[in-house]
Every structure is written in structure tokens, then in C-alpha cells.
Amino acid sequence: MTAEQIAGLKYNEAGLVCAVAQQYDSKEILMVAWMDAEAVRRTVETRRATYFSRSRNEYWVKGETSGHTQRVVEVRHDCDGDALLVLVDQTGAACHTGSRTCFDDGLLG
């Protein structure tokens, strides 16, 4: 993803875009987080998933403290440019609860 593509994404009023992390080979949906343009740039450049924490108002590299890392294989944007799909190779749990995915316990129907 080029600097022009990153700048051309449709960020919300807070300057963020939704990022869905997916295991690259199994296609398992792992988590959803937020990125601003700088987080997208860092992610693409370092190949380490970097998100923006809305609650802490700071960047965080997935696994930096837990060891549960996300090596980025590919970053794609949707047709509208207002959401990202971050294909990763997940090491350990993706969810802060210790689950493999943040979607283990949320069955609605």
C-alpha cells in the first residue's frame, strides 16, 4: 500500500479506519481494531500489526507486551476505502481475554 493509497482511505471523524485482522491461511477472523494513517503506515512498513487504542489514545503493536504477535502478510482495503482487512500470521491468542479469537463467545443466533 502506497502513501497515496493510505492518504486516500476514508477515515471517520476521529481520523480512524476499522481494521479486521484475519489469519492469512485459515481465514479465521481474529479481531477488530482501529488504525489511523500513521498506524497503517507503520503496519505496512514494519509488517507488524500496529493499531491505535482509542481508550489509551496511543499506538500499540500487537504482541509487544504479551508475545501474541501478528506478522502482517497483506493489507487490503474494501471497495469504499473505509475498512481494512489485515491478513496476519497470528502467534498465540488474538483476544485480550486469552482466546484465539475475539469472536469465540459472541454467538447471537
N, C-alpha and C. Protein backbone atom coordinates (compact mmCIF):
# COMPACT_ATOMS: atom_id res chain seq x y z
N MET A 1 0.86 -1.17 0.00
CA MET A 1 0.00 0.00 0.00
C MET A 1 0.91 1.24 0.00
N THR A 2 0.65 2.11 -0.92
CA THR A 2 1.48 3.31 -1.07
C THR A 2 1.00 4.43 -0.14
N ALA A 3 1.82 5.46 -0.01
CA ALA A 3 1.45 6.62 0.80
C ALA A 3 0.18 7.27 0.25
N GLU A 4 0.03 7.28 -1.06
CA GLU A 4 -1.17 7.86 -1.68
C GLU A 4 -2.40 7.02 -1.34
N GLN A 5 -2.25 5.70 -1.36
CA GLN A 5 -3.37 4.83 -1.01
C GLN A 5 -3.76 5.00 0.46
N ILE A 6 -2.77 5.11 1.32
CA ILE A 6 -3.04 5.31 2.75
C ILE A 6 -3.77 6.63 2.96
N ALA A 7 -3.31 7.69 2.32
CA ALA A 7 -3.94 9.01 2.45
C ALA A 7 -5.34 9.01 1.86
N GLY A 8 -5.58 8.17 0.86
CA GLY A 8 -6.87 8.12 0.18
C GLY A 8 -7.93 7.29 0.87
N LEU A 9 -7.58 6.63 1.96
CA LEU A 9 -8.59 5.88 2.71
C LEU A 9 -9.61 6.84 3.30
N LYS A 10 -10.81 6.33 3.57
CA LYS A 10 -11.87 7.15 4.15
C LYS A 10 -11.88 6.93 5.66
N TYR A 11 -11.27 7.85 6.37
CA TYR A 11 -11.20 7.80 7.82
C TYR A 11 -12.46 8.43 8.41
N ASN A 12 -12.87 7.96 9.59
CA ASN A 12 -14.04 8.54 10.23
C ASN A 12 -13.71 9.90 10.84
N GLU A 13 -14.67 10.50 11.51
CA GLU A 13 -14.49 11.84 12.06
C GLU A 13 -13.36 11.91 13.09
N ALA A 14 -12.97 10.77 13.67
CA ALA A 14 -11.86 10.71 14.61
C ALA A 14 -10.53 10.42 13.91
N GLY A 15 -10.59 10.30 12.57
CA GLY A 15 -9.38 10.03 11.80
C GLY A 15 -8.97 8.57 11.80
N LEU A 16 -9.94 7.68 12.05
CA LEU A 16 -9.65 6.25 12.16
C LEU A 16 -10.39 5.45 11.10
N VAL A 17 -9.83 4.29 10.80
CA VAL A 17 -10.46 3.33 9.89
C VAL A 17 -10.51 1.98 10.60
N CYS A 18 -11.58 1.26 10.41
CA CYS A 18 -11.76 -0.05 11.03
C CYS A 18 -10.83 -1.06 10.36
N ALA A 19 -10.15 -1.88 11.18
CA ALA A 19 -9.23 -2.89 10.66
C ALA A 19 -9.63 -4.26 11.20
N VAL A 20 -9.93 -5.17 10.30
CA VAL A 20 -10.29 -6.54 10.66
C VAL A 20 -9.05 -7.41 10.46
N ALA A 21 -8.61 -8.07 11.53
CA ALA A 21 -7.46 -8.96 11.44
C ALA A 21 -7.95 -10.38 11.17
N GLN A 22 -7.37 -11.01 10.15
CA GLN A 22 -7.76 -12.35 9.72
C GLN A 22 -6.51 -13.21 9.57
N GLN A 23 -6.57 -14.44 10.07
CA GLN A 23 -5.47 -15.38 9.87
C GLN A 23 -5.35 -15.65 8.38
N TYR A 24 -4.17 -15.45 7.84
CA TYR A 24 -4.00 -15.45 6.38
C TYR A 24 -4.28 -16.81 5.74
N ASP A 25 -3.98 -17.91 6.42
CA ASP A 25 -4.14 -19.21 5.76
C ASP A 25 -5.47 -19.89 6.06
N SER A 26 -5.96 -19.81 7.29
CA SER A 26 -7.22 -20.47 7.65
C SER A 26 -8.43 -19.57 7.39
N LYS A 27 -8.20 -18.26 7.20
CA LYS A 27 -9.23 -17.24 7.00
C LYS A 27 -10.06 -16.99 8.26
N GLU A 28 -9.62 -17.47 9.42
CA GLU A 28 -10.29 -17.24 10.69
C GLU A 28 -10.22 -15.75 11.03
N ILE A 29 -11.38 -15.16 11.39
CA ILE A 29 -11.42 -13.78 11.81
C ILE A 29 -10.95 -13.73 13.26
N LEU A 30 -9.93 -12.91 13.51
CA LEU A 30 -9.31 -12.88 14.83
C LEU A 30 -9.80 -11.73 15.71
N MET A 31 -9.84 -10.54 15.17
CA MET A 31 -10.17 -9.37 15.98
C MET A 31 -10.48 -8.18 15.08
N VAL A 32 -11.02 -7.14 15.69
CA VAL A 32 -11.27 -5.87 15.03
C VAL A 32 -10.62 -4.78 15.88
N ALA A 33 -9.94 -3.87 15.23
CA ALA A 33 -9.30 -2.75 15.92
C ALA A 33 -9.37 -1.52 15.03
N TRP A 34 -8.69 -0.47 15.43
CA TRP A 34 -8.73 0.79 14.69
C TRP A 34 -7.33 1.22 14.31
N MET A 35 -7.22 1.89 13.18
CA MET A 35 -5.95 2.44 12.71
C MET A 35 -6.18 3.85 12.20
N ASP A 36 -5.21 4.71 12.43
CA ASP A 36 -5.17 6.00 11.74
C ASP A 36 -4.13 5.86 10.64
N ALA A 37 -3.89 6.92 9.90
CA ALA A 37 -2.96 6.84 8.77
C ALA A 37 -1.56 6.42 9.21
N GLU A 38 -1.12 6.91 10.36
CA GLU A 38 0.21 6.55 10.86
C GLU A 38 0.29 5.07 11.23
N ALA A 39 -0.75 4.54 11.86
CA ALA A 39 -0.78 3.11 12.20
C ALA A 39 -0.75 2.25 10.94
N VAL A 40 -1.48 2.68 9.92
CA VAL A 40 -1.47 1.94 8.64
C VAL A 40 -0.06 1.97 8.06
N ARG A 41 0.55 3.14 8.05
CA ARG A 41 1.90 3.28 7.51
C ARG A 41 2.89 2.38 8.27
N ARG A 42 2.84 2.42 9.59
CA ARG A 42 3.74 1.60 10.39
C ARG A 42 3.51 0.11 10.13
N THR A 43 2.25 -0.28 10.02
CA THR A 43 1.92 -1.68 9.77
C THR A 43 2.50 -2.15 8.44
N VAL A 44 2.29 -1.37 7.41
CA VAL A 44 2.79 -1.72 6.08
C VAL A 44 4.32 -1.74 6.06
N GLU A 45 4.92 -0.77 6.70
CA GLU A 45 6.37 -0.63 6.68
C GLU A 45 7.08 -1.72 7.50
N THR A 46 6.56 -2.02 8.69
CA THR A 46 7.24 -2.96 9.60
C THR A 46 6.76 -4.39 9.46
N ARG A 47 5.57 -4.58 8.87
CA ARG A 47 4.93 -5.89 8.76
C ARG A 47 4.54 -6.43 10.14
N ARG A 48 4.41 -5.53 11.13
CA ARG A 48 3.92 -5.85 12.47
C ARG A 48 2.64 -5.06 12.67
N ALA A 49 1.55 -5.74 13.03
CA ALA A 49 0.26 -5.07 13.16
C ALA A 49 0.32 -4.00 14.24
N THR A 50 0.07 -2.77 13.81
CA THR A 50 0.10 -1.61 14.71
C THR A 50 -1.27 -0.95 14.67
N TYR A 51 -1.86 -0.81 15.83
CA TYR A 51 -3.21 -0.26 15.94
C TYR A 51 -3.18 1.02 16.76
N PHE A 52 -4.33 1.73 16.75
CA PHE A 52 -4.48 2.92 17.57
C PHE A 52 -5.50 2.62 18.65
N SER A 53 -5.10 2.73 19.90
CA SER A 53 -6.00 2.49 21.02
C SER A 53 -6.82 3.74 21.29
N ARG A 54 -8.11 3.63 21.12
CA ARG A 54 -8.99 4.77 21.39
C ARG A 54 -9.06 5.07 22.88
N SER A 55 -9.02 4.04 23.72
CA SER A 55 -9.13 4.26 25.16
C SER A 55 -7.85 4.85 25.76
N ARG A 56 -6.69 4.44 25.24
CA ARG A 56 -5.41 4.95 25.76
C ARG A 56 -4.86 6.10 24.92
N ASN A 57 -5.48 6.33 23.77
CA ASN A 57 -5.05 7.39 22.86
C ASN A 57 -3.58 7.25 22.48
N GLU A 58 -3.20 6.01 22.10
CA GLU A 58 -1.81 5.74 21.72
C GLU A 58 -1.74 4.54 20.79
N TYR A 59 -0.59 4.40 20.14
CA TYR A 59 -0.35 3.27 19.25
C TYR A 59 0.04 2.05 20.07
N TRP A 60 -0.33 0.89 19.56
CA TRP A 60 0.14 -0.35 20.17
C TRP A 60 0.42 -1.38 19.09
N VAL A 61 1.56 -2.03 19.23
CA VAL A 61 1.96 -3.09 18.32
C VAL A 61 1.46 -4.40 18.93
N LYS A 62 0.63 -5.11 18.19
CA LYS A 62 0.04 -6.34 18.71
C LYS A 62 1.14 -7.30 19.14
N GLY A 63 1.07 -7.72 20.41
CA GLY A 63 2.02 -8.69 20.94
C GLY A 63 3.27 -8.11 21.56
N GLU A 64 3.40 -6.79 21.53
CA GLU A 64 4.61 -6.16 22.05
C GLU A 64 4.84 -6.48 23.52
N THR A 65 3.77 -6.58 24.30
CA THR A 65 3.92 -6.93 25.71
C THR A 65 3.50 -8.37 26.00
N SER A 66 2.54 -8.90 25.24
CA SER A 66 2.03 -10.25 25.51
C SER A 66 2.80 -11.36 24.81
N GLY A 67 3.48 -11.00 23.72
CA GLY A 67 4.13 -12.02 22.91
C GLY A 67 3.20 -12.65 21.88
N HIS A 68 1.94 -12.25 21.89
CA HIS A 68 0.94 -12.77 20.95
C HIS A 68 0.93 -11.87 19.72
N THR A 69 1.87 -12.10 18.85
CA THR A 69 2.15 -11.19 17.75
C THR A 69 1.31 -11.46 16.51
N GLN A 70 1.27 -10.46 15.65
CA GLN A 70 0.65 -10.58 14.33
C GLN A 70 1.66 -10.14 13.29
N ARG A 71 2.20 -11.11 12.56
CA ARG A 71 3.08 -10.81 11.42
C ARG A 71 2.17 -10.54 10.24
N VAL A 72 2.29 -9.36 9.67
CA VAL A 72 1.39 -8.94 8.59
C VAL A 72 1.85 -9.53 7.26
N VAL A 73 0.95 -10.23 6.63
CA VAL A 73 1.20 -10.82 5.31
C VAL A 73 0.73 -9.86 4.22
N GLU A 74 -0.41 -9.22 4.45
CA GLU A 74 -1.02 -8.37 3.43
C GLU A 74 -2.04 -7.43 4.07
N VAL A 75 -2.16 -6.24 3.52
CA VAL A 75 -3.20 -5.30 3.95
C VAL A 75 -4.02 -4.94 2.72
N ARG A 76 -5.33 -5.08 2.84
CA ARG A 76 -6.25 -4.75 1.75
C ARG A 76 -7.28 -3.75 2.24
N HIS A 77 -7.78 -2.93 1.34
CA HIS A 77 -8.90 -2.06 1.69
C HIS A 77 -10.13 -2.52 0.94
N ASP A 78 -11.30 -2.21 1.48
CA ASP A 78 -12.54 -2.59 0.81
C ASP A 78 -12.84 -1.63 -0.34
N CYS A 79 -13.91 -1.92 -1.05
CA CYS A 79 -14.24 -1.16 -2.26
C CYS A 79 -14.51 0.31 -1.99
N ASP A 80 -14.96 0.64 -0.78
CA ASP A 80 -15.23 2.03 -0.43
C ASP A 80 -14.04 2.73 0.22
N GLY A 81 -13.03 1.95 0.59
CA GLY A 81 -11.85 2.53 1.23
C GLY A 81 -12.07 2.93 2.67
N ASP A 82 -13.15 2.39 3.29
CA ASP A 82 -13.43 2.77 4.68
C ASP A 82 -13.25 1.63 5.68
N ALA A 83 -12.63 0.54 5.24
CA ALA A 83 -12.32 -0.58 6.12
C ALA A 83 -11.10 -1.30 5.56
N LEU A 84 -10.33 -1.89 6.47
CA LEU A 84 -9.14 -2.64 6.09
C LEU A 84 -9.27 -4.09 6.50
N LEU A 85 -8.68 -4.96 5.69
CA LEU A 85 -8.52 -6.37 6.02
C LEU A 85 -7.02 -6.58 6.17
N VAL A 86 -6.63 -6.96 7.39
CA VAL A 86 -5.21 -7.17 7.69
C VAL A 86 -4.99 -8.67 7.81
N LEU A 87 -4.38 -9.25 6.79
CA LEU A 87 -4.09 -10.69 6.79
C LEU A 87 -2.80 -10.90 7.56
N VAL A 88 -2.89 -11.72 8.62
CA VAL A 88 -1.77 -11.87 9.55
C VAL A 88 -1.46 -13.35 9.79
N ASP A 89 -0.28 -13.57 10.32
CA ASP A 89 0.08 -14.87 10.87
C ASP A 89 0.13 -14.65 12.38
N GLN A 90 -0.92 -15.10 13.07
CA GLN A 90 -1.09 -14.88 14.50
C GLN A 90 -0.28 -15.89 15.30
N THR A 91 0.47 -15.40 16.27
CA THR A 91 1.15 -16.25 17.24
C THR A 91 0.44 -16.08 18.57
N GLY A 92 -0.08 -17.17 19.12
CA GLY A 92 -0.80 -17.10 20.39
C GLY A 92 -2.20 -16.55 20.22
N ALA A 93 -2.76 -16.09 21.33
CA ALA A 93 -4.13 -15.57 21.36
C ALA A 93 -4.20 -14.20 20.71
N ALA A 94 -5.30 -13.95 20.01
CA ALA A 94 -5.51 -12.63 19.43
C ALA A 94 -6.30 -11.73 20.38
N CYS A 95 -7.14 -12.34 21.21
CA CYS A 95 -8.02 -11.57 22.08
C CYS A 95 -7.34 -11.28 23.42
N HIS A 96 -7.65 -10.12 23.98
CA HIS A 96 -7.09 -9.74 25.28
C HIS A 96 -7.56 -10.66 26.41
N THR A 97 -8.62 -11.44 26.16
CA THR A 97 -9.12 -12.38 27.16
C THR A 97 -8.32 -13.68 27.20
N GLY A 98 -7.44 -13.85 26.22
CA GLY A 98 -6.66 -15.08 26.12
C GLY A 98 -7.20 -16.07 25.11
N SER A 99 -8.33 -15.74 24.47
CA SER A 99 -8.90 -16.61 23.45
C SER A 99 -8.18 -16.43 22.13
N ARG A 100 -8.23 -17.45 21.32
CA ARG A 100 -7.62 -17.39 20.00
C ARG A 100 -8.19 -16.24 19.18
N THR A 101 -9.50 -16.05 19.25
CA THR A 101 -10.20 -15.01 18.51
C THR A 101 -11.13 -14.24 19.43
N CYS A 102 -11.39 -13.00 19.11
CA CYS A 102 -12.31 -12.19 19.88
C CYS A 102 -13.76 -12.58 19.63
N PHE A 103 -14.00 -13.49 18.71
CA PHE A 103 -15.35 -13.87 18.33
C PHE A 103 -15.76 -15.26 18.84
N ASP A 104 -15.09 -15.75 19.88
CA ASP A 104 -15.41 -17.08 20.43
C ASP A 104 -16.72 -17.13 21.19
N ASP A 105 -17.07 -16.06 21.89
CA ASP A 105 -18.20 -16.11 22.82
C ASP A 105 -19.40 -15.26 22.43
N GLY A 106 -19.43 -14.74 21.23
CA GLY A 106 -20.45 -13.78 20.88
C GLY A 106 -21.56 -14.25 19.98
N LEU A 107 -21.95 -15.52 20.05
CA LEU A 107 -23.00 -16.04 19.17
C LEU A 107 -24.35 -15.41 19.49
N LEU A 108 -24.92 -14.75 18.50
CA LEU A 108 -26.23 -14.11 18.68
C LEU A 108 -27.37 -14.95 18.12
N GLY A 109 -27.09 -15.83 17.21
CA GLY A 109 -28.18 -16.62 16.64
C GLY A 109 -27.70 -17.55 15.58
